[in-house]
């Protein structure tokens, strides 16, 4: 068996396991299989995902995010907050801000006492990743007709490191659950069902690829806010409360057109996991 030292942290009702390889060599393991085993509710440590921290040539650190099913995520807003907390705890977050390299983005983290802020960057329409979404973008640039299992719906298709479909409704979100699973599997995207409560308050249900229905998803919430701001349904430049299934998230579209998420984090435990390689 291979002993692996881990740290488990939580934010916004989601938990992630961090393996820190910033100061020692990466163990030569099958990390897809390891993610499946470590995050398992009964035979593992139980978590929403696994984060591998590595040195980076272009940032303060590089993060690789694995979902529960072993698939790779491009980035993870909640995971980035936890990385910031972890690096601050071990004395590697001493400047006002640091940068983290992900598969698709270079995220900037800021620390204000116990609150970690993550700059997720600029949103883009999924069908045009070279043209940023702005306050002047016409809805036709990011809204598309999508096929469900029974009919066609409209969805705002937005990338914020990860690909997302945002679907608006005033109905009960439970009605959409089966279609959310279908749309995610058919299009390989995260699905968000969104209800506008107030210009500074929304309700969001998320189905994440590789994970399923989640307590909260930072990049899906960011895509939802980007969509709602572009549609003039919520306010830019002010913090918006996103009510998710398990927690509230705080996000805003800032003066530079970037999506910012902030929140507190908690260390759950650390220890040694004994990994049995596949036979």
Protein backbone atom coordinates (compact mmCIF):
# COMPACT_ATOMS: atom_id res chain seq x y z
CA UNK A 1 0.00 0.00 0.00
CA UNK A 2 1.11 3.56 -0.77
CA UNK A 3 0.81 6.04 2.13
CA UNK A 4 -0.42 9.46 0.93
CA UNK A 5 -0.57 12.54 3.15
CA UNK A 6 -3.71 14.61 2.53
CA UNK A 7 -5.56 17.68 3.76
CA UNK A 8 -9.35 17.89 3.54
CA UNK A 9 -11.03 21.31 3.51
CA UNK A 10 -14.54 22.63 3.04
CA UNK A 11 -16.25 25.76 1.72
CA UNK A 12 -19.87 26.46 0.76
CA UNK A 13 -20.92 22.92 1.76
CA UNK A 14 -18.41 21.30 -0.62
CA UNK A 15 -15.33 19.31 0.44
CA UNK A 16 -12.08 18.72 -1.41
CA UNK A 17 -8.96 16.73 -0.69
CA UNK A 18 -5.64 18.46 -1.41
CA UNK A 19 -2.41 16.59 -2.15
CA UNK A 20 0.45 19.09 -1.92
CA UNK A 21 3.46 18.34 -4.16
CA UNK A 22 4.93 21.85 -4.12
CA UNK A 23 8.00 20.77 -2.16
CA UNK A 24 8.47 17.09 -2.98
CA UNK A 25 8.18 14.87 -6.08
CA UNK A 26 4.82 13.76 -7.37
CA UNK A 27 4.02 10.17 -6.54
CA UNK A 28 3.75 8.07 -9.74
CA UNK A 29 0.14 6.99 -9.26
CA UNK A 30 -3.01 6.52 -11.31
CA UNK A 31 -4.69 9.72 -10.12
CA UNK A 32 -7.93 8.96 -11.93
CA UNK A 33 -8.29 5.79 -9.89
CA UNK A 34 -6.99 7.50 -6.75
CA UNK A 35 -9.64 10.24 -7.04
CA UNK A 36 -12.38 7.63 -7.30
CA UNK A 37 -11.07 5.74 -4.27
CA UNK A 38 -10.23 8.68 -1.99
CA UNK A 39 -13.48 10.57 -2.51
CA UNK A 40 -15.72 7.53 -1.99
CA UNK A 41 -18.29 8.01 0.77
CA UNK A 42 -17.81 4.58 2.37
CA UNK A 43 -14.38 3.26 1.46
CA UNK A 44 -12.56 6.58 1.17
CA UNK A 45 -12.47 9.96 2.89
CA UNK A 46 -15.66 11.29 1.22
CA UNK A 47 -15.21 14.47 -0.80
CA UNK A 48 -16.47 16.24 -3.91
CA UNK A 49 -13.11 16.06 -5.61
CA UNK A 50 -9.34 15.73 -5.42
CA UNK A 51 -6.88 18.60 -5.98
CA UNK A 52 -3.24 18.04 -6.91
CA UNK A 53 -0.98 21.02 -6.15
CA UNK A 54 2.19 21.28 -8.26
CA UNK A 55 4.92 23.86 -8.96
CA UNK A 56 4.21 26.15 -11.92
CA UNK A 57 6.46 28.05 -14.33
CA UNK A 58 3.88 30.80 -14.83
CA UNK A 59 2.13 31.09 -11.46
CA UNK A 60 2.65 30.56 -7.74
CA UNK A 61 1.26 27.04 -8.08
CA UNK A 62 -0.52 24.75 -10.51
CA UNK A 63 -3.76 22.94 -9.62
CA UNK A 64 -5.15 19.81 -11.23
CA UNK A 65 -8.78 19.11 -10.31
CA UNK A 66 -10.29 15.62 -10.37
CA UNK A 67 -14.01 14.97 -10.02
CA UNK A 68 -15.40 12.13 -7.92
CA UNK A 69 -15.66 9.91 -10.99
CA UNK A 70 -11.98 10.45 -11.81
CA UNK A 71 -12.59 12.82 -14.71
CA UNK A 72 -10.64 16.07 -14.97
CA UNK A 73 -12.23 19.48 -14.37
CA UNK A 74 -10.77 22.50 -16.12
CA UNK A 75 -11.00 24.66 -13.02
CA UNK A 76 -12.99 24.90 -9.78
CA UNK A 77 -13.87 28.13 -7.98
CA UNK A 78 -14.59 26.51 -4.61
CA UNK A 79 -11.42 24.45 -4.99
CA UNK A 80 -9.40 27.59 -5.69
CA UNK A 81 -10.71 29.18 -2.49
CA UNK A 82 -9.58 26.11 -0.57
CA UNK A 83 -6.16 26.25 -2.22
CA UNK A 84 -5.81 29.85 -1.06
CA UNK A 85 -6.75 28.89 2.48
CA UNK A 86 -4.35 25.94 2.47
CA UNK A 87 -1.44 28.00 1.12
CA UNK A 88 -2.09 30.73 3.70
CA UNK A 89 -2.11 28.13 6.48
CA UNK A 90 1.28 26.72 5.48
CA UNK A 91 2.84 30.17 5.01
CA UNK A 92 2.91 30.27 1.20
CA UNK A 93 0.30 33.02 0.80
CA UNK A 94 2.04 36.04 2.28
CA UNK A 95 1.56 38.58 -0.53
CA UNK A 96 -1.70 40.50 -1.15
CA UNK A 97 -2.45 38.16 -4.04
CA UNK A 98 -1.16 34.99 -5.68
CA UNK A 99 -1.89 33.24 -8.97
CA UNK A 100 -2.89 29.65 -9.58
CA UNK A 101 -2.53 27.92 -12.95
CA UNK A 102 -5.38 25.60 -13.97
CA UNK A 103 -5.99 23.65 -17.17
CA UNK A 104 -7.71 26.61 -18.83
CA UNK A 105 -7.14 29.74 -16.73
CA UNK A 106 -4.74 31.71 -14.57
CA UNK A 107 -6.75 32.59 -11.46
CA UNK A 108 -5.80 35.36 -9.03
CA UNK A 109 -6.51 34.80 -5.33
CA UNK A 110 -6.71 37.53 -2.70
CA UNK A 111 -6.84 37.18 1.07
CA UNK A 112 -8.68 39.53 3.43
CA UNK A 113 -8.42 38.14 6.96
CA UNK A 114 -10.22 34.78 6.63
CA UNK A 115 -12.02 35.56 3.35
CA UNK A 116 -10.54 34.24 0.10
CA UNK A 117 -11.49 36.00 -3.14
CA UNK A 118 -11.00 34.31 -6.51
CA UNK A 119 -10.80 36.24 -9.77
CA UNK A 120 -12.20 33.73 -12.27
CA UNK A 121 -11.52 35.96 -15.25
CA UNK A 122 -13.67 37.02 -18.18
CA UNK A 123 -16.70 35.02 -19.35
CA UNK A 124 -17.08 34.01 -22.99
CA UNK A 125 -19.92 32.66 -25.10
CA UNK A 126 -19.33 28.94 -25.59
CA UNK A 127 -19.70 29.29 -29.35
CA UNK A 128 -17.13 32.11 -29.58
CA UNK A 129 -14.27 31.78 -27.11
CA UNK A 130 -12.35 34.65 -28.73
CA UNK A 131 -14.93 37.36 -27.97
CA UNK A 132 -15.54 38.22 -24.29
CA UNK A 133 -19.03 38.60 -22.91
CA UNK A 134 -19.59 42.29 -22.07
CA UNK A 135 -22.35 44.55 -20.83
CA UNK A 136 -23.03 45.39 -24.48
CA UNK A 137 -23.20 41.82 -25.79
CA UNK A 138 -26.51 41.10 -27.53
CA UNK A 139 -28.38 38.14 -26.09
CA UNK A 140 -28.22 36.38 -29.45
CA UNK A 141 -24.44 36.03 -29.03
CA UNK A 142 -24.70 33.74 -26.00
CA UNK A 143 -28.26 32.36 -26.03
CA UNK A 144 -28.86 29.19 -28.05
CA UNK A 145 -31.65 26.71 -28.66
CA UNK A 146 -30.79 23.34 -27.12
CA UNK A 147 -32.46 19.97 -27.54
CA UNK A 148 -33.80 18.21 -24.46
CA UNK A 149 -35.13 14.66 -24.43
CA UNK A 150 -38.58 15.90 -25.44
CA UNK A 151 -38.46 19.48 -26.74
CA UNK A 152 -36.22 22.49 -27.40
CA UNK A 153 -35.29 25.01 -24.72
CA UNK A 154 -33.28 28.22 -24.67
CA UNK A 155 -30.05 28.34 -22.68
CA UNK A 156 -27.29 30.86 -22.20
CA UNK A 157 -24.11 28.99 -23.10
CA UNK A 158 -21.14 30.44 -21.27
CA UNK A 159 -17.55 29.50 -20.51
CA UNK A 160 -15.85 30.66 -17.33
CA UNK A 161 -13.00 28.17 -17.45
CA UNK A 162 -15.62 25.38 -17.48
CA UNK A 163 -18.51 25.14 -19.99
CA UNK A 164 -22.01 25.94 -18.71
CA UNK A 165 -25.63 26.05 -19.83
CA UNK A 166 -27.81 28.50 -17.84
CA UNK A 167 -31.57 27.94 -18.06
CA UNK A 168 -34.03 30.50 -16.66
CA UNK A 169 -37.26 29.57 -14.93
CA UNK A 170 -39.82 30.77 -12.40
CA UNK A 171 -40.94 27.17 -11.80
CA UNK A 172 -39.83 24.70 -9.15
CA UNK A 173 -36.27 23.59 -9.95
CA UNK A 174 -37.15 20.00 -9.08
CA UNK A 175 -39.08 19.84 -12.35
CA UNK A 176 -35.83 20.13 -14.31
CA UNK A 177 -33.75 17.44 -12.62
CA UNK A 178 -34.07 14.67 -15.21
CA UNK A 179 -33.43 17.03 -18.10
CA UNK A 180 -30.40 18.54 -16.33
CA UNK A 181 -28.80 15.09 -16.19
CA UNK A 182 -29.65 14.47 -19.83
CA UNK A 183 -28.33 17.83 -21.03
CA UNK A 184 -25.10 17.49 -19.08
CA UNK A 185 -24.34 14.04 -20.46
CA UNK A 186 -25.32 14.94 -24.03
CA UNK A 187 -23.35 18.19 -24.17
CA UNK A 188 -20.55 17.57 -21.65
CA UNK A 189 -21.34 20.76 -19.74
CA UNK A 190 -22.40 21.90 -16.29
CA UNK A 191 -26.10 22.79 -16.13
CA UNK A 192 -27.53 25.61 -14.03
CA UNK A 193 -31.24 26.32 -13.54
CA UNK A 194 -31.62 29.94 -12.47
CA UNK A 195 -34.39 32.03 -10.91
CA UNK A 196 -34.01 35.77 -10.40
CA UNK A 197 -35.33 36.78 -6.97
CA UNK A 198 -34.00 40.35 -6.86
CA UNK A 199 -31.32 42.38 -8.73
CA UNK A 200 -28.89 41.30 -6.00
CA UNK A 201 -30.24 37.81 -5.20
CA UNK A 202 -30.78 34.65 -7.28
CA UNK A 203 -31.60 30.98 -6.82
CA UNK A 204 -29.43 28.39 -8.62
CA UNK A 205 -29.51 24.60 -8.93
CA UNK A 206 -26.43 22.99 -10.50
CA UNK A 207 -25.73 19.64 -12.08
CA UNK A 208 -21.99 19.20 -12.55
CA UNK A 209 -20.50 16.80 -15.07
CA UNK A 210 -18.45 14.18 -13.28
CA UNK A 211 -20.20 14.85 -9.99
CA UNK A 212 -23.97 15.27 -10.28
CA UNK A 213 -26.16 17.64 -8.27
CA UNK A 214 -23.90 19.67 -6.01
CA UNK A 215 -24.33 21.78 -2.89
CA UNK A 216 -22.68 24.66 -4.74
CA UNK A 217 -20.56 25.25 -7.83
CA UNK A 218 -18.57 28.45 -8.08
CA UNK A 219 -18.00 28.50 -11.83
CA UNK A 220 -21.66 27.66 -12.54
CA UNK A 221 -22.68 30.48 -10.22
CA UNK A 222 -20.22 32.77 -12.03
CA UNK A 223 -21.70 31.79 -15.40
CA UNK A 224 -25.18 32.47 -14.01
CA UNK A 225 -24.18 35.93 -12.80
CA UNK A 226 -22.43 36.68 -16.10
CA UNK A 227 -25.60 35.72 -17.96
CA UNK A 228 -27.89 37.68 -15.64
CA UNK A 229 -25.69 40.78 -15.74
CA UNK A 230 -25.48 40.68 -19.54
CA UNK A 231 -29.29 40.42 -19.63
CA UNK A 232 -29.59 43.37 -17.17
CA UNK A 233 -31.39 41.16 -14.64
CA UNK A 234 -28.87 41.65 -11.82
CA UNK A 235 -26.53 44.50 -11.03
CA UNK A 236 -22.93 44.65 -12.22
CA UNK A 237 -20.18 45.79 -9.82
CA UNK A 238 -22.18 44.82 -6.69
CA UNK A 239 -22.05 41.56 -4.77
CA UNK A 240 -24.89 39.19 -5.63
CA UNK A 241 -26.06 36.41 -3.32
CA UNK A 242 -26.48 33.08 -5.12
CA UNK A 243 -28.64 30.66 -3.14
CA UNK A 244 -27.45 27.15 -4.01
CA UNK A 245 -28.72 23.77 -2.79
CA UNK A 246 -26.40 23.64 0.21
CA UNK A 247 -24.96 27.11 0.71
CA UNK A 248 -24.97 30.74 -0.40
CA UNK A 249 -22.22 32.09 -2.65
CA UNK A 250 -21.16 35.70 -3.06
CA UNK A 251 -20.17 36.83 -6.55
CA UNK A 252 -19.90 39.97 -8.62
CA UNK A 253 -19.11 41.17 -12.12
CA UNK A 254 -16.36 43.73 -11.47
CA UNK A 255 -15.37 46.91 -13.29
CA UNK A 256 -12.97 44.96 -15.54
CA UNK A 257 -15.64 42.51 -16.65
CA UNK A 258 -14.18 39.74 -14.48
CA UNK A 259 -16.22 37.38 -12.30
CA UNK A 260 -15.17 37.39 -8.64
CA UNK A 261 -16.20 34.89 -5.97
CA UNK A 262 -15.43 35.22 -2.27
CA UNK A 263 -15.99 33.10 0.81
CA UNK A 264 -14.59 31.54 3.96
CA UNK A 265 -13.01 28.11 4.24
CA UNK A 266 -12.48 25.54 6.98
CA UNK A 267 -9.91 22.80 7.44
CA UNK A 268 -11.67 19.51 8.17
CA UNK A 269 -8.80 17.13 8.81
CA UNK A 270 -5.43 15.93 7.60
CA UNK A 271 -3.76 12.55 7.77
CA UNK A 272 -2.47 9.59 5.83
CA UNK A 273 -4.51 7.64 3.31
CA UNK A 274 -3.28 4.15 2.39
CA UNK A 275 -3.83 3.64 -1.32
CA UNK A 276 -4.13 0.17 -2.80
CA UNK A 277 -3.01 0.18 -6.45
CA UNK A 278 -5.24 -1.52 -8.98
CA UNK A 279 -4.38 -5.16 -9.58
